[in-house]
Amino acid sequence: MGFLKKIIDWLLNAFLIVFVMTCIWTFSQVFLLASFRIPSDSMEPELVEGDFVAVWKPTLGARLFDLNATLRLEQTAIHRVPGFRRVRRGDVLVFNFPHPNGWDKIEMHILKYYIKRCIGLPGDTLSIRDGRFRINGVSEPLGNLDSQERIGQTPPEEFADGIYKAFPFDSAVGWNIRDFGPLYIPKAGDRIKMDRTGYALYRKLIAWEQKTEIEYRDSTVCLNGKPIQEYRFQKNYYFMAGDKGKNSQDSRYWGLLPEEYIVGKAAFIWKSVDPYTGQFRWERFMKKIE
């Protein structure tokens, strides 16, 4: 009888330890840290393929949403707990890629992540001139200047197919990665005029916010079949860019990022393995991400 009691006590203690560790792990994953593996060279030289970065969630605030719905590829409401601060220009952020199923519609796929640098904040007006990012009223450099200089010095005919032309890929605008904007980045509460250009720039954001159709016909923007002259935005948006400008699928091509899609700020590299040799890169271990 005593032996049976010891077995039961041991099983209960083991169950309790597993339960507590599971709770700690779940809490950590939801509210504290996440890990992201760098899959490409789009953030070189700051991050290279094979880096594993720690994403610190409390800086901006962890997200709460229906995980089961996202795993079923359903769109769901996303809420954010208060963080220590807001996003800043220059922050390297991990986020859910807003176009996992096609370029014409903003959706969330919980298993598809990107990592890019924040260039433009809600309320900014962003332009690209000779390849260089510019924000009205901001004098400090933005992003990787060496990459931007190389883009500015490259003639249009020397870009590979699919690289030169840029968002919104509309004849009414006609931007490219050397000459882009000005693009106003909406913040919650902004009212923006809806004309042909406004439709080209913001139609995906509006359709995502309203969960309905928006179209341009007879020189009029129609939301859910009703004409609108302006639109009041409900959410904040960001302009994201990779440090390696010639090889980065970023906001220059797919547009603006909804705030809800941001997972957190990339804090440091906790592991780095050369994808070709399998060697651990000690010189990158615990490197802070700037």
C-alpha atoms as a PDB file:
ATOM      1  CA  MET A   1       0.000   0.000   0.000  1.00  0.00           C
ATOM      2  CA  GLY A   2       2.847   2.350   0.878  1.00  0.00           C
ATOM      3  CA  PHE A   3       4.552   1.616  -2.456  1.00  0.00           C
ATOM      4  CA  LEU A   4       1.327   2.421  -4.349  1.00  0.00           C
ATOM      5  CA  LYS A   5       0.999   5.696  -2.427  1.00  0.00           C
ATOM      6  CA  LYS A   6       4.575   6.632  -3.395  1.00  0.00           C
ATOM      7  CA  ILE A   7       3.819   5.933  -7.059  1.00  0.00           C
ATOM      8  CA  ILE A   8       0.654   8.064  -6.893  1.00  0.00           C
ATOM      9  CA  ASP A   9       2.515  10.902  -5.140  1.00  0.00           C
ATOM     10  CA  TRP A  10       5.293  10.729  -7.727  1.00  0.00           C
ATOM     11  CA  LEU A  11       2.791  10.847 -10.612  1.00  0.00           C
ATOM     12  CA  LEU A  12       0.943  13.789  -9.035  1.00  0.00           C
ATOM     13  CA  ASN A  13       4.198  15.694  -8.492  1.00  0.00           C
ATOM     14  CA  ALA A  14       5.309  14.960 -12.062  1.00  0.00           C
ATOM     15  CA  PHE A  15       1.950  16.120 -13.395  1.00  0.00           C
ATOM     16  CA  LEU A  16       2.159  19.292 -11.324  1.00  0.00           C
ATOM     17  CA  ILE A  17       5.681  20.034 -12.564  1.00  0.00           C
ATOM     18  CA  VAL A  18       4.660  19.468 -16.190  1.00  0.00           C
ATOM     19  CA  PHE A  19       1.556  21.620 -15.714  1.00  0.00           C
ATOM     20  CA  VAL A  20       3.533  24.474 -14.139  1.00  0.00           C
ATOM     21  CA  MET A  21       6.236  24.318 -16.835  1.00  0.00           C
ATOM     22  CA  THR A  22       3.573  24.303 -19.552  1.00  0.00           C
ATOM     23  CA  CYS A  23       1.922  27.370 -18.013  1.00  0.00           C
ATOM     24  CA  ILE A  24       5.282  29.176 -17.795  1.00  0.00           C
ATOM     25  CA  TRP A  25       6.129  28.252 -21.403  1.00  0.00           C
ATOM     26  CA  THR A  26       2.700  29.366 -22.655  1.00  0.00           C
ATOM     27  CA  PHE A  27       2.887  32.647 -20.720  1.00  0.00           C
ATOM     28  CA  SER A  28       6.376  33.274 -22.092  1.00  0.00           C
ATOM     29  CA  GLN A  29       5.315  32.555 -25.682  1.00  0.00           C
ATOM     30  CA  VAL A  30       2.231  34.778 -25.476  1.00  0.00           C
ATOM     31  CA  PHE A  31       3.506  37.701 -23.417  1.00  0.00           C
ATOM     32  CA  LEU A  32       7.320  37.728 -23.367  1.00  0.00           C
ATOM     33  CA  LEU A  33       9.486  36.162 -26.067  1.00  0.00           C
ATOM     34  CA  ALA A  34       9.222  34.564 -29.469  1.00  0.00           C
ATOM     35  CA  SER A  35      11.914  33.227 -31.783  1.00  0.00           C
ATOM     36  CA  PHE A  36      12.234  33.910 -35.496  1.00  0.00           C
ATOM     37  CA  ARG A  37      14.690  32.381 -37.952  1.00  0.00           C
ATOM     38  CA  ILE A  38      16.054  34.662 -40.677  1.00  0.00           C
ATOM     39  CA  PRO A  39      15.233  32.839 -43.935  1.00  0.00           C
ATOM     40  CA  SER A  40      16.892  35.150 -46.492  1.00  0.00           C
ATOM     41  CA  ASP A  41      19.414  37.926 -47.019  1.00  0.00           C
ATOM     42  CA  SER A  42      16.877  40.772 -47.222  1.00  0.00           C
ATOM     43  CA  MET A  43      18.041  42.298 -43.897  1.00  0.00           C
ATOM     44  CA  GLU A  44      21.790  42.159 -44.559  1.00  0.00           C
ATOM     45  CA  PRO A  45      24.115  43.341 -43.181  1.00  0.00           C
ATOM     46  CA  GLU A  46      22.296  43.653 -39.824  1.00  0.00           C
ATOM     47  CA  LEU A  47      20.796  40.152 -40.027  1.00  0.00           C
ATOM     48  CA  VAL A  48      21.966  37.252 -42.161  1.00  0.00           C
ATOM     49  CA  GLU A  49      20.437  33.973 -43.248  1.00  0.00           C
ATOM     50  CA  GLY A  50      20.640  31.443 -40.420  1.00  0.00           C
ATOM     51  CA  ASP A  51      20.314  33.961 -37.568  1.00  0.00           C
ATOM     52  CA  PHE A  52      17.734  33.157 -34.900  1.00  0.00           C
ATOM     53  CA  VAL A  53      16.389  36.335 -33.330  1.00  0.00           C
ATOM     54  CA  ALA A  54      14.611  36.803 -30.027  1.00  0.00           C
ATOM     55  CA  VAL A  55      11.485  38.940 -30.374  1.00  0.00           C
ATOM     56  CA  TRP A  56      10.739  40.871 -27.190  1.00  0.00           C
ATOM     57  CA  LYS A  57       6.968  41.382 -26.966  1.00  0.00           C
ATOM     58  CA  PRO A  58       6.531  43.659 -23.897  1.00  0.00           C
ATOM     59  CA  THR A  59       8.268  46.558 -25.664  1.00  0.00           C
ATOM     60  CA  LEU A  60       5.256  47.121 -27.928  1.00  0.00           C
ATOM     61  CA  GLY A  61       2.749  44.932 -26.042  1.00  0.00           C
ATOM     62  CA  ALA A  62       1.799  41.294 -26.630  1.00  0.00           C
ATOM     63  CA  ARG A  63      -1.167  40.408 -28.846  1.00  0.00           C
ATOM     64  CA  LEU A  64      -4.249  38.434 -27.842  1.00  0.00           C
ATOM     65  CA  PHE A  65      -6.407  36.689 -30.442  1.00  0.00           C
ATOM     66  CA  ASP A  66      -8.235  33.459 -31.218  1.00  0.00           C
ATOM     67  CA  LEU A  67      -5.368  31.121 -32.089  1.00  0.00           C
ATOM     68  CA  ASN A  68      -7.663  28.322 -33.277  1.00  0.00           C
ATOM     69  CA  ALA A  69      -9.369  30.673 -35.741  1.00  0.00           C
ATOM     70  CA  THR A  70      -6.030  31.781 -37.196  1.00  0.00           C
ATOM     71  CA  LEU A  71      -4.898  28.159 -37.570  1.00  0.00           C
ATOM     72  CA  ARG A  72      -8.089  27.561 -39.567  1.00  0.00           C
ATOM     73  CA  LEU A  73      -6.970  30.547 -41.725  1.00  0.00           C
ATOM     74  CA  GLU A  74      -9.952  32.589 -40.510  1.00  0.00           C
ATOM     75  CA  GLN A  75      -9.578  36.320 -39.926  1.00  0.00           C
ATOM     76  CA  THR A  76     -10.042  37.268 -36.289  1.00  0.00           C
ATOM     77  CA  ALA A  77      -9.939  40.321 -34.040  1.00  0.00           C
ATOM     78  CA  ILE A  78      -6.495  41.120 -32.606  1.00  0.00           C
ATOM     79  CA  HIS A  79      -6.045  42.994 -29.332  1.00  0.00           C
ATOM     80  CA  ARG A  80      -2.796  44.320 -27.860  1.00  0.00           C
ATOM     81  CA  VAL A  81      -1.947  44.681 -24.187  1.00  0.00           C
ATOM     82  CA  PRO A  82      -0.173  47.929 -23.189  1.00  0.00           C
ATOM     83  CA  GLY A  83       3.543  47.968 -23.971  1.00  0.00           C
ATOM     84  CA  PHE A  84       6.466  49.997 -22.686  1.00  0.00           C
ATOM     85  CA  ARG A  85       6.521  52.286 -25.733  1.00  0.00           C
ATOM     86  CA  ARG A  86       5.315  52.840 -29.278  1.00  0.00           C
ATOM     87  CA  VAL A  87       7.049  51.738 -32.468  1.00  0.00           C
ATOM     88  CA  ARG A  88       9.929  53.998 -33.484  1.00  0.00           C
ATOM     89  CA  ARG A  89      11.508  54.645 -36.859  1.00  0.00           C
ATOM     90  CA  GLY A  90      14.426  52.268 -37.228  1.00  0.00           C
ATOM     91  CA  ASP A  91      12.949  49.484 -35.093  1.00  0.00           C
ATOM     92  CA  VAL A  92      13.464  46.023 -36.569  1.00  0.00           C
ATOM     93  CA  LEU A  93      10.078  44.309 -36.282  1.00  0.00           C
ATOM     94  CA  VAL A  94       8.735  40.811 -36.799  1.00  0.00           C
ATOM     95  CA  PHE A  95       5.199  40.769 -38.187  1.00  0.00           C
ATOM     96  CA  ASN A  96       2.642  38.556 -39.864  1.00  0.00           C
ATOM     97  CA  PHE A  97       2.986  39.024 -43.610  1.00  0.00           C
ATOM     98  CA  PRO A  98      -0.222  40.827 -44.709  1.00  0.00           C
ATOM     99  CA  HIS A  99      -0.493  39.132 -48.124  1.00  0.00           C
ATOM    100  CA  PRO A 100      -0.067  35.377 -47.563  1.00  0.00           C
ATOM    101  CA  ASN A 101      -2.653  34.403 -50.200  1.00  0.00           C
ATOM    102  CA  GLY A 102      -2.322  37.126 -52.839  1.00  0.00           C
ATOM    103  CA  TRP A 103      -1.356  40.755 -53.397  1.00  0.00           C
ATOM    104  CA  ASP A 104      -4.878  42.120 -53.727  1.00  0.00           C
ATOM    105  CA  LYS A 105      -6.122  41.412 -50.205  1.00  0.00           C
ATOM    106  CA  ILE A 106      -4.834  41.900 -46.651  1.00  0.00           C
ATOM    107  CA  GLU A 107      -5.097  38.731 -44.577  1.00  0.00           C
ATOM    108  CA  MET A 108      -3.361  37.184 -41.591  1.00  0.00           C
ATOM    109  CA  HIS A 109      -1.643  33.805 -41.602  1.00  0.00           C
ATOM    110  CA  ILE A 110      -0.315  32.983 -38.132  1.00  0.00           C
ATOM    111  CA  LEU A 111       2.550  30.874 -39.544  1.00  0.00           C
ATOM    112  CA  LYS A 112       3.845  33.388 -42.122  1.00  0.00           C
ATOM    113  CA  TYR A 113       6.221  35.990 -40.696  1.00  0.00           C
ATOM    114  CA  TYR A 114       8.472  38.700 -42.117  1.00  0.00           C
ATOM    115  CA  ILE A 115      11.171  40.786 -40.463  1.00  0.00           C
ATOM    116  CA  LYS A 116      11.873  44.313 -41.711  1.00  0.00           C
ATOM    117  CA  ARG A 117      12.909  47.738 -40.441  1.00  0.00           C
ATOM    118  CA  CYS A 118      10.258  50.370 -39.715  1.00  0.00           C
ATOM    119  CA  ILE A 119      10.835  53.417 -41.919  1.00  0.00           C
ATOM    120  CA  GLY A 120       7.520  55.283 -41.704  1.00  0.00           C
ATOM    121  CA  LEU A 121       5.147  55.769 -38.751  1.00  0.00           C
ATOM    122  CA  PRO A 122       1.420  56.598 -38.678  1.00  0.00           C
ATOM    123  CA  GLY A 123       1.060  60.252 -39.666  1.00  0.00           C
ATOM    124  CA  ASP A 124       4.312  60.367 -41.667  1.00  0.00           C
ATOM    125  CA  THR A 125       4.515  61.392 -45.322  1.00  0.00           C
ATOM    126  CA  LEU A 126       7.131  59.211 -47.001  1.00  0.00           C
ATOM    127  CA  SER A 127       8.937  59.625 -50.308  1.00  0.00           C
ATOM    128  CA  ILE A 128      11.810  57.921 -52.081  1.00  0.00           C
ATOM    129  CA  ARG A 129      14.064  60.165 -54.149  1.00  0.00           C
ATOM    130  CA  ASP A 130      17.020  58.682 -56.043  1.00  0.00           C
ATOM    131  CA  GLY A 131      16.534  55.533 -53.986  1.00  0.00           C
ATOM    132  CA  ARG A 132      16.715  57.252 -50.576  1.00  0.00           C
ATOM    133  CA  PHE A 133      13.897  57.269 -48.054  1.00  0.00           C
ATOM    134  CA  ARG A 134      12.643  60.649 -46.917  1.00  0.00           C
ATOM    135  CA  ILE A 135      10.063  61.633 -44.300  1.00  0.00           C
ATOM    136  CA  ASN A 136       8.641  65.156 -44.279  1.00  0.00           C
ATOM    137  CA  GLY A 137      10.059  67.035 -41.295  1.00  0.00           C
ATOM    138  CA  VAL A 138      12.626  64.345 -40.434  1.00  0.00           C
ATOM    139  CA  SER A 139      16.324  64.955 -41.091  1.00  0.00           C
ATOM    140  CA  GLU A 140      17.993  61.816 -39.692  1.00  0.00           C
ATOM    141  CA  PRO A 141      18.979  58.963 -42.045  1.00  0.00           C
ATOM    142  CA  LEU A 142      16.447  56.179 -42.531  1.00  0.00           C
ATOM    143  CA  GLY A 143      17.415  52.565 -43.148  1.00  0.00           C
ATOM    144  CA  ASN A 144      20.548  51.273 -44.859  1.00  0.00           C
ATOM    145  CA  LEU A 145      22.004  54.237 -46.752  1.00  0.00           C
ATOM    146  CA  ASP A 146      24.576  52.196 -48.694  1.00  0.00           C
ATOM    147  CA  SER A 147      21.846  50.062 -50.239  1.00  0.00           C
ATOM    148  CA  GLN A 148      19.724  53.104 -51.028  1.00  0.00           C
ATOM    149  CA  GLU A 149      22.670  54.846 -52.700  1.00  0.00           C
ATOM    150  CA  ARG A 150      23.279  51.826 -54.936  1.00  0.00           C
ATOM    151  CA  ILE A 151      19.610  51.800 -55.965  1.00  0.00           C
ATOM    152  CA  GLY A 152      19.753  55.507 -56.764  1.00  0.00           C
ATOM    153  CA  GLN A 153      22.824  54.991 -58.955  1.00  0.00           C
ATOM    154  CA  THR A 154      21.368  52.045 -60.898  1.00  0.00           C
ATOM    155  CA  PRO A 155      19.720  52.911 -64.247  1.00  0.00           C
ATOM    156  CA  PRO A 156      16.137  51.600 -64.597  1.00  0.00           C
ATOM    157  CA  GLU A 157      17.076  49.185 -67.383  1.00  0.00           C
ATOM    158  CA  GLU A 158      19.624  47.414 -65.158  1.00  0.00           C
ATOM    159  CA  PHE A 159      17.086  46.239 -62.564  1.00  0.00           C
ATOM    160  CA  ALA A 160      15.979  42.609 -62.783  1.00  0.00           C
ATOM    161  CA  ASP A 161      12.415  41.882 -63.874  1.00  0.00           C
ATOM    162  CA  GLY A 162       9.863  42.639 -61.169  1.00  0.00           C
ATOM    163  CA  ILE A 163      12.229  44.795 -59.097  1.00  0.00           C
ATOM    164  CA  TYR A 164      11.921  48.337 -60.463  1.00  0.00           C
ATOM    165  CA  LYS A 165       8.190  49.058 -60.448  1.00  0.00           C
ATOM    166  CA  ALA A 166       6.597  49.615 -57.053  1.00  0.00           C
ATOM    167  CA  PHE A 167       3.352  49.839 -55.107  1.00  0.00           C
ATOM    168  CA  PRO A 168       0.541  50.438 -55.947  1.00  0.00           C
ATOM    169  CA  PHE A 169       1.258  49.150 -59.499  1.00  0.00           C
ATOM    170  CA  ASP A 170      -1.425  51.437 -60.882  1.00  0.00           C
ATOM    171  CA  SER A 171      -1.266  53.626 -63.984  1.00  0.00           C
ATOM    172  CA  ALA A 172      -2.702  56.545 -61.996  1.00  0.00           C
ATOM    173  CA  VAL A 173       0.434  56.619 -59.811  1.00  0.00           C
ATOM    174  CA  GLY A 174       3.355  54.918 -61.583  1.00  0.00           C
ATOM    175  CA  TRP A 175       5.908  54.793 -58.740  1.00  0.00           C
ATOM    176  CA  ASN A 176       9.159  52.840 -58.686  1.00  0.00           C
ATOM    177  CA  ILE A 177      11.827  52.071 -56.069  1.00  0.00           C
ATOM    178  CA  ARG A 178      13.944  55.068 -57.151  1.00  0.00           C
ATOM    179  CA  ASP A 179      11.104  57.598 -57.308  1.00  0.00           C
ATOM    180  CA  PHE A 180       8.230  56.885 -54.938  1.00  0.00           C
ATOM    181  CA  GLY A 181       5.577  58.974 -53.208  1.00  0.00           C
ATOM    182  CA  PRO A 182       4.740  61.150 -51.493  1.00  0.00           C
ATOM    183  CA  LEU A 183       2.693  58.557 -49.608  1.00  0.00           C
ATOM    184  CA  TYR A 184       0.795  59.585 -46.484  1.00  0.00           C
ATOM    185  CA  ILE A 185       0.770  56.798 -43.862  1.00  0.00           C
ATOM    186  CA  PRO A 186      -2.629  56.842 -42.127  1.00  0.00           C
ATOM    187  CA  LYS A 187      -3.129  56.897 -38.387  1.00  0.00           C
ATOM    188  CA  ALA A 188      -6.373  56.093 -36.594  1.00  0.00           C
ATOM    189  CA  GLY A 189      -8.847  58.968 -37.010  1.00  0.00           C
ATOM    190  CA  ASP A 190      -7.331  60.423 -40.181  1.00  0.00           C
ATOM    191  CA  ARG A 191      -9.739  61.460 -42.923  1.00  0.00           C
ATOM    192  CA  ILE A 192      -8.356  61.074 -46.443  1.00  0.00           C
ATOM    193  CA  LYS A 193      -9.946  62.187 -49.693  1.00  0.00           C
ATOM    194  CA  MET A 194     -11.154  59.335 -51.857  1.00  0.00           C
ATOM    195  CA  ASP A 195     -10.426  60.016 -55.509  1.00  0.00           C
ATOM    196  CA  ARG A 196      -8.653  57.947 -58.162  1.00  0.00           C
ATOM    197  CA  THR A 197      -5.282  58.263 -56.412  1.00  0.00           C
ATOM    198  CA  GLY A 198      -6.738  57.691 -52.944  1.00  0.00           C
ATOM    199  CA  TYR A 199      -8.424  54.558 -54.198  1.00  0.00           C
ATOM    200  CA  ALA A 200      -5.191  53.224 -55.704  1.00  0.00           C
ATOM    201  CA  LEU A 201      -3.197  53.853 -52.510  1.00  0.00           C
ATOM    202  CA  TYR A 202      -5.630  52.853 -49.783  1.00  0.00           C
ATOM    203  CA  ARG A 203      -8.227  50.471 -51.208  1.00  0.00           C
ATOM    204  CA  LYS A 204      -6.678  47.356 -49.617  1.00  0.00           C
ATOM    205  CA  LEU A 205      -6.525  49.014 -46.196  1.00  0.00           C
ATOM    206  CA  ILE A 206     -10.140  50.171 -46.404  1.00  0.00           C
ATOM    207  CA  ALA A 207     -11.391  46.776 -47.584  1.00  0.00           C
ATOM    208  CA  TRP A 208      -9.518  45.143 -44.686  1.00  0.00           C
ATOM    209  CA  GLU A 209     -10.896  47.567 -42.093  1.00  0.00           C
ATOM    210  CA  GLN A 210     -14.468  47.405 -43.359  1.00  0.00           C
ATOM    211  CA  LYS A 211     -14.444  43.726 -44.383  1.00  0.00           C
ATOM    212  CA  THR A 212     -16.360  44.645 -47.509  1.00  0.00           C
ATOM    213  CA  GLU A 213     -15.808  45.565 -51.167  1.00  0.00           C
ATOM    214  CA  ILE A 214     -14.457  48.868 -52.385  1.00  0.00           C
ATOM    215  CA  GLU A 215     -14.355  49.789 -56.063  1.00  0.00           C
ATOM    216  CA  TYR A 216     -13.798  52.692 -58.410  1.00  0.00           C
ATOM    217  CA  ARG A 217     -16.421  53.257 -61.102  1.00  0.00           C
ATOM    218  CA  ASP A 218     -17.709  56.268 -63.030  1.00  0.00           C
ATOM    219  CA  SER A 219     -15.003  58.470 -61.460  1.00  0.00           C
ATOM    220  CA  THR A 220     -16.348  57.634 -57.986  1.00  0.00           C
ATOM    221  CA  VAL A 221     -15.051  55.500 -55.122  1.00  0.00           C
ATOM    222  CA  CYS A 222     -17.780  53.195 -53.839  1.00  0.00           C
ATOM    223  CA  LEU A 223     -17.634  51.378 -50.492  1.00  0.00           C
ATOM    224  CA  ASN A 224     -20.072  48.484 -50.255  1.00  0.00           C
ATOM    225  CA  GLY A 225     -21.891  49.955 -53.281  1.00  0.00           C
ATOM    226  CA  LYS A 226     -22.220  53.471 -51.790  1.00  0.00           C
ATOM    227  CA  PRO A 227     -20.261  56.514 -53.072  1.00  0.00           C
ATOM    228  CA  ILE A 228     -17.774  58.058 -50.619  1.00  0.00           C
ATOM    229  CA  GLN A 229     -15.849  61.343 -50.867  1.00  0.00           C
ATOM    230  CA  GLU A 230     -13.450  60.620 -48.004  1.00  0.00           C
ATOM    231  CA  TYR A 231     -12.617  57.829 -45.615  1.00  0.00           C
ATOM    232  CA  ARG A 232     -11.876  57.947 -41.870  1.00  0.00           C
ATOM    233  CA  PHE A 233      -9.265  55.340 -40.959  1.00  0.00           C
ATOM    234  CA  GLN A 234      -9.764  53.197 -37.880  1.00  0.00           C
ATOM    235  CA  LYS A 235      -6.256  51.737 -37.557  1.00  0.00           C
ATOM    236  CA  ASN A 236      -2.578  52.715 -37.546  1.00  0.00           C
ATOM    237  CA  TYR A 237      -0.229  51.696 -40.349  1.00  0.00           C
ATOM    238  CA  TYR A 238       3.529  51.458 -40.932  1.00  0.00           C
ATOM    239  CA  PHE A 239       5.982  51.459 -43.829  1.00  0.00           C
ATOM    240  CA  MET A 240       8.499  48.600 -43.590  1.00  0.00           C
ATOM    241  CA  ALA A 241      11.678  48.026 -45.596  1.00  0.00           C
ATOM    242  CA  GLY A 242      14.513  45.519 -45.741  1.00  0.00           C
ATOM    243  CA  ASP A 243      18.089  46.733 -45.280  1.00  0.00           C
ATOM    244  CA  LYS A 244      19.156  45.026 -48.519  1.00  0.00           C
ATOM    245  CA  GLY A 245      17.036  47.209 -50.752  1.00  0.00           C
ATOM    246  CA  LYS A 246      17.508  45.355 -54.047  1.00  0.00           C
ATOM    247  CA  ASN A 247      16.420  42.049 -52.559  1.00  0.00           C
ATOM    248  CA  SER A 248      13.599  42.762 -50.129  1.00  0.00           C
ATOM    249  CA  GLN A 249       9.885  42.136 -50.529  1.00  0.00           C
ATOM    250  CA  ASP A 250       8.664  45.058 -48.435  1.00  0.00           C
ATOM    251  CA  SER A 251       6.276  48.028 -48.322  1.00  0.00           C
ATOM    252  CA  ARG A 252       7.728  49.390 -51.551  1.00  0.00           C
ATOM    253  CA  TYR A 253       5.950  46.475 -53.252  1.00  0.00           C
ATOM    254  CA  TRP A 254       3.002  45.387 -51.081  1.00  0.00           C
ATOM    255  CA  GLY A 255       2.068  48.598 -49.293  1.00  0.00           C
ATOM    256  CA  LEU A 256       1.453  49.470 -45.663  1.00  0.00           C
ATOM    257  CA  LEU A 257       1.442  47.200 -42.608  1.00  0.00           C
ATOM    258  CA  PRO A 258      -1.488  47.206 -40.129  1.00  0.00           C
ATOM    259  CA  GLU A 259      -0.378  47.720 -36.531  1.00  0.00           C
ATOM    260  CA  GLU A 260      -2.240  44.582 -35.384  1.00  0.00           C
ATOM    261  CA  TYR A 261       0.071  42.415 -37.494  1.00  0.00           C
ATOM    262  CA  ILE A 262       3.220  43.419 -35.579  1.00  0.00           C
ATOM    263  CA  VAL A 263       4.455  40.593 -33.323  1.00  0.00           C
ATOM    264  CA  GLY A 264       7.198  42.524 -31.567  1.00  0.00           C
ATOM    265  CA  LYS A 265      10.600  44.163 -31.716  1.00  0.00           C
ATOM    266  CA  ALA A 266      13.591  42.015 -32.645  1.00  0.00           C
ATOM    267  CA  ALA A 267      15.949  42.341 -29.669  1.00  0.00           C
ATOM    268  CA  PHE A 268      19.023  40.134 -30.131  1.00  0.00           C
ATOM    269  CA  ILE A 269      20.427  37.112 -31.963  1.00  0.00           C
ATOM    270  CA  TRP A 270      20.303  34.094 -29.644  1.00  0.00           C
ATOM    271  CA  LYS A 271      21.721  31.611 -32.170  1.00  0.00           C
ATOM    272  CA  SER A 272      23.299  31.773 -35.613  1.00  0.00           C
ATOM    273  CA  VAL A 273      24.109  28.796 -37.823  1.00  0.00           C
ATOM    274  CA  ASP A 274      25.638  28.981 -41.287  1.00  0.00           C
ATOM    275  CA  PRO A 275      22.950  27.404 -43.539  1.00  0.00           C
ATOM    276  CA  TYR A 276      25.564  26.003 -45.923  1.00  0.00           C
ATOM    277  CA  THR A 277      28.147  24.557 -43.521  1.00  0.00           C
ATOM    278  CA  GLY A 278      26.078  24.005 -40.370  1.00  0.00           C
ATOM    279  CA  GLN A 279      28.743  25.798 -38.327  1.00  0.00           C
ATOM    280  CA  PHE A 280      27.715  27.809 -35.265  1.00  0.00           C
ATOM    281  CA  ARG A 281      28.641  31.478 -35.747  1.00  0.00           C
ATOM    282  CA  TRP A 282      29.872  32.464 -32.288  1.00  0.00           C
ATOM    283  CA  GLU A 283      30.665  36.025 -33.370  1.00  0.00           C
ATOM    284  CA  ARG A 284      26.931  36.645 -33.808  1.00  0.00           C
ATOM    285  CA  PHE A 285      25.813  34.988 -30.562  1.00  0.00           C
ATOM    286  CA  MET A 286      23.830  37.421 -28.337  1.00  0.00           C
ATOM    287  CA  LYS A 287      24.422  40.283 -30.778  1.00  0.00           C
ATOM    288  CA  LYS A 288      22.055  43.174 -30.139  1.00  0.00           C
ATOM    289  CA  ILE A 289      19.929  44.127 -33.135  1.00  0.00           C
ATOM    290  CA  GLU A 290      20.288  47.807 -34.000  1.00  0.00           C
END
